[in-house]
Amino acid sequence: MSNGNASPFIGQHVLVRTYSAGVHLGELVSKDGTNVILKGARRLWRWYGAFTLSEASQKGVAKNSRIAAPVPLIELTEAIEIIPTTDEARATFEAIHEKA
């Protein structure tokens, strides 16, 4: 990946909204244009308790939200929004465990 599109969020836990693959949470490893790689990524399938993704990234989500089990790495194309998450928000994400 090139350094021309380096993100200030590399190494941080972020929420990524994509054009067609939904919303994902994880540590931003790299960014090249609209392609991003996340480590320890989970898909935010359905959320409650936050009106927008911006609010979810800052305040978190309610317990009845659905967040998929993590994958070690994922490459997402067509990322259209990358938002760093707060410790408060991450605590709510980590409290949600998808049942098999």
C-alpha atoms as a PDB file:
ATOM      1  CA  MET A   1       0.000   0.000   0.000  1.00  0.00           C
ATOM      2  CA  SER A   2       1.228   3.496  -0.757  1.00  0.00           C
ATOM      3  CA  ASN A   3       1.963   6.137   1.858  1.00  0.00           C
ATOM      4  CA  GLY A   4       0.246   8.850  -0.176  1.00  0.00           C
ATOM      5  CA  ASN A   5      -3.077   8.045   1.441  1.00  0.00           C
ATOM      6  CA  ALA A   6      -1.793   7.355   4.943  1.00  0.00           C
ATOM      7  CA  SER A   7      -4.493   7.867   7.532  1.00  0.00           C
ATOM      8  CA  PRO A   8      -3.934   9.560  10.888  1.00  0.00           C
ATOM      9  CA  PHE A   9      -6.037   6.726  12.329  1.00  0.00           C
ATOM     10  CA  ILE A  10      -3.543   3.903  11.578  1.00  0.00           C
ATOM     11  CA  GLY A  11      -3.181   1.799  14.736  1.00  0.00           C
ATOM     12  CA  GLN A  12      -6.428   3.089  16.249  1.00  0.00           C
ATOM     13  CA  HIS A  13      -9.722   1.266  16.777  1.00  0.00           C
ATOM     14  CA  VAL A  14     -12.150   2.602  14.198  1.00  0.00           C
ATOM     15  CA  LEU A  15     -15.609   2.172  12.763  1.00  0.00           C
ATOM     16  CA  VAL A  16     -15.591   1.871   8.954  1.00  0.00           C
ATOM     17  CA  ARG A  17     -18.650   2.341   6.767  1.00  0.00           C
ATOM     18  CA  THR A  18     -18.278   0.931   3.275  1.00  0.00           C
ATOM     19  CA  TYR A  19     -20.272   1.490   0.137  1.00  0.00           C
ATOM     20  CA  SER A  20     -21.464  -2.108  -0.182  1.00  0.00           C
ATOM     21  CA  ALA A  21     -20.002  -4.302   2.601  1.00  0.00           C
ATOM     22  CA  GLY A  22     -21.668  -2.667   5.574  1.00  0.00           C
ATOM     23  CA  VAL A  23     -20.089  -1.379   8.772  1.00  0.00           C
ATOM     24  CA  HIS A  24     -17.035  -2.898  10.447  1.00  0.00           C
ATOM     25  CA  LEU A  25     -15.141  -2.274  13.694  1.00  0.00           C
ATOM     26  CA  GLY A  26     -11.461  -2.988  14.261  1.00  0.00           C
ATOM     27  CA  GLU A  27      -7.905  -1.682  14.356  1.00  0.00           C
ATOM     28  CA  LEU A  28      -6.948   0.197  11.206  1.00  0.00           C
ATOM     29  CA  VAL A  29      -3.803  -1.448   9.819  1.00  0.00           C
ATOM     30  CA  SER A  30      -3.551   0.364   6.490  1.00  0.00           C
ATOM     31  CA  LYS A  31      -5.396   2.556   4.018  1.00  0.00           C
ATOM     32  CA  ASP A  32      -4.834   2.958   0.293  1.00  0.00           C
ATOM     33  CA  GLY A  33      -7.419   5.147  -1.366  1.00  0.00           C
ATOM     34  CA  THR A  34     -10.752   3.595  -0.448  1.00  0.00           C
ATOM     35  CA  ASN A  35      -9.221   0.216   0.487  1.00  0.00           C
ATOM     36  CA  VAL A  36      -8.603  -0.410   4.168  1.00  0.00           C
ATOM     37  CA  ILE A  37      -7.316  -3.347   6.185  1.00  0.00           C
ATOM     38  CA  LEU A  38      -8.672  -3.937   9.683  1.00  0.00           C
ATOM     39  CA  LYS A  39      -7.263  -6.259  12.330  1.00  0.00           C
ATOM     40  CA  GLY A  40      -9.604  -8.012  14.780  1.00  0.00           C
ATOM     41  CA  ALA A  41     -12.558  -6.865  12.692  1.00  0.00           C
ATOM     42  CA  ARG A  42     -16.209  -7.350  13.581  1.00  0.00           C
ATOM     43  CA  ARG A  43     -19.195  -6.509  11.385  1.00  0.00           C
ATOM     44  CA  LEU A  44     -21.781  -4.261  13.002  1.00  0.00           C
ATOM     45  CA  TRP A  45     -24.858  -5.981  11.639  1.00  0.00           C
ATOM     46  CA  ARG A  46     -27.593  -4.056  13.461  1.00  0.00           C
ATOM     47  CA  TRP A  47     -27.335  -1.362  16.101  1.00  0.00           C
ATOM     48  CA  TYR A  48     -29.639   0.249  18.608  1.00  0.00           C
ATOM     49  CA  GLY A  49     -29.084   3.019  21.133  1.00  0.00           C
ATOM     50  CA  ALA A  50     -27.336   5.363  18.700  1.00  0.00           C
ATOM     51  CA  PHE A  51     -29.028   7.388  15.996  1.00  0.00           C
ATOM     52  CA  THR A  52     -26.000   7.591  13.675  1.00  0.00           C
ATOM     53  CA  LEU A  53     -22.698   5.790  13.194  1.00  0.00           C
ATOM     54  CA  SER A  54     -20.964   8.937  14.414  1.00  0.00           C
ATOM     55  CA  GLU A  55     -22.871   8.639  17.689  1.00  0.00           C
ATOM     56  CA  ALA A  56     -22.189   4.887  17.864  1.00  0.00           C
ATOM     57  CA  SER A  57     -18.457   5.559  17.495  1.00  0.00           C
ATOM     58  CA  GLN A  58     -18.534   7.938  20.462  1.00  0.00           C
ATOM     59  CA  LYS A  59     -21.188   6.578  22.843  1.00  0.00           C
ATOM     60  CA  GLY A  60     -21.506   2.955  21.726  1.00  0.00           C
ATOM     61  CA  VAL A  61     -24.551   0.795  21.100  1.00  0.00           C
ATOM     62  CA  ALA A  62     -27.265  -0.936  23.130  1.00  0.00           C
ATOM     63  CA  LYS A  63     -27.086  -4.567  24.252  1.00  0.00           C
ATOM     64  CA  ASN A  64     -29.682  -5.743  21.716  1.00  0.00           C
ATOM     65  CA  SER A  65     -27.400  -4.701  18.824  1.00  0.00           C
ATOM     66  CA  ARG A  66     -25.811  -7.407  16.659  1.00  0.00           C
ATOM     67  CA  ILE A  67     -22.052  -7.547  16.120  1.00  0.00           C
ATOM     68  CA  ALA A  68     -20.480 -10.554  14.389  1.00  0.00           C
ATOM     69  CA  ALA A  69     -17.621 -12.615  15.774  1.00  0.00           C
ATOM     70  CA  PRO A  70     -14.171 -11.184  14.970  1.00  0.00           C
ATOM     71  CA  VAL A  71     -11.975 -12.170  12.042  1.00  0.00           C
ATOM     72  CA  PRO A  72      -8.178 -11.771  12.296  1.00  0.00           C
ATOM     73  CA  LEU A  73      -7.882  -9.540   9.188  1.00  0.00           C
ATOM     74  CA  ILE A  74     -10.202  -8.153   6.563  1.00  0.00           C
ATOM     75  CA  GLU A  75      -9.654  -5.985   3.510  1.00  0.00           C
ATOM     76  CA  LEU A  76     -12.549  -3.672   2.798  1.00  0.00           C
ATOM     77  CA  THR A  77     -12.956  -1.879  -0.492  1.00  0.00           C
ATOM     78  CA  GLU A  78     -14.958   1.280  -1.039  1.00  0.00           C
ATOM     79  CA  ALA A  79     -14.577   2.621   2.507  1.00  0.00           C
ATOM     80  CA  ILE A  80     -16.490   5.888   2.599  1.00  0.00           C
ATOM     81  CA  GLU A  81     -16.212   6.763   6.282  1.00  0.00           C
ATOM     82  CA  ILE A  82     -13.579   6.006   8.944  1.00  0.00           C
ATOM     83  CA  ILE A  83     -14.350   7.163  12.487  1.00  0.00           C
ATOM     84  CA  PRO A  84     -12.116   6.568  15.522  1.00  0.00           C
ATOM     85  CA  THR A  85     -13.993   5.038  18.460  1.00  0.00           C
ATOM     86  CA  THR A  86     -13.855   6.040  22.113  1.00  0.00           C
ATOM     87  CA  ASP A  87     -13.092   3.794  25.082  1.00  0.00           C
ATOM     88  CA  GLU A  88     -16.745   4.180  26.119  1.00  0.00           C
ATOM     89  CA  ALA A  89     -17.989   2.965  22.730  1.00  0.00           C
ATOM     90  CA  ARG A  90     -15.503   0.066  22.568  1.00  0.00           C
ATOM     91  CA  ALA A  91     -16.720  -1.196  25.943  1.00  0.00           C
ATOM     92  CA  THR A  92     -20.249  -1.519  24.552  1.00  0.00           C
ATOM     93  CA  PHE A  93     -19.008  -3.306  21.405  1.00  0.00           C
ATOM     94  CA  GLU A  94     -16.964  -5.776  23.461  1.00  0.00           C
ATOM     95  CA  ALA A  95     -19.961  -6.519  25.695  1.00  0.00           C
ATOM     96  CA  ILE A  96     -21.880  -7.903  22.693  1.00  0.00           C
ATOM     97  CA  HIS A  97     -21.082 -11.506  21.782  1.00  0.00           C
ATOM     98  CA  GLU A  98     -22.833 -13.071  18.810  1.00  0.00           C
ATOM     99  CA  LYS A  99     -24.291 -16.457  19.611  1.00  0.00           C
ATOM    100  CA  ALA A 100     -23.572 -19.332  17.232  1.00  0.00           C
END
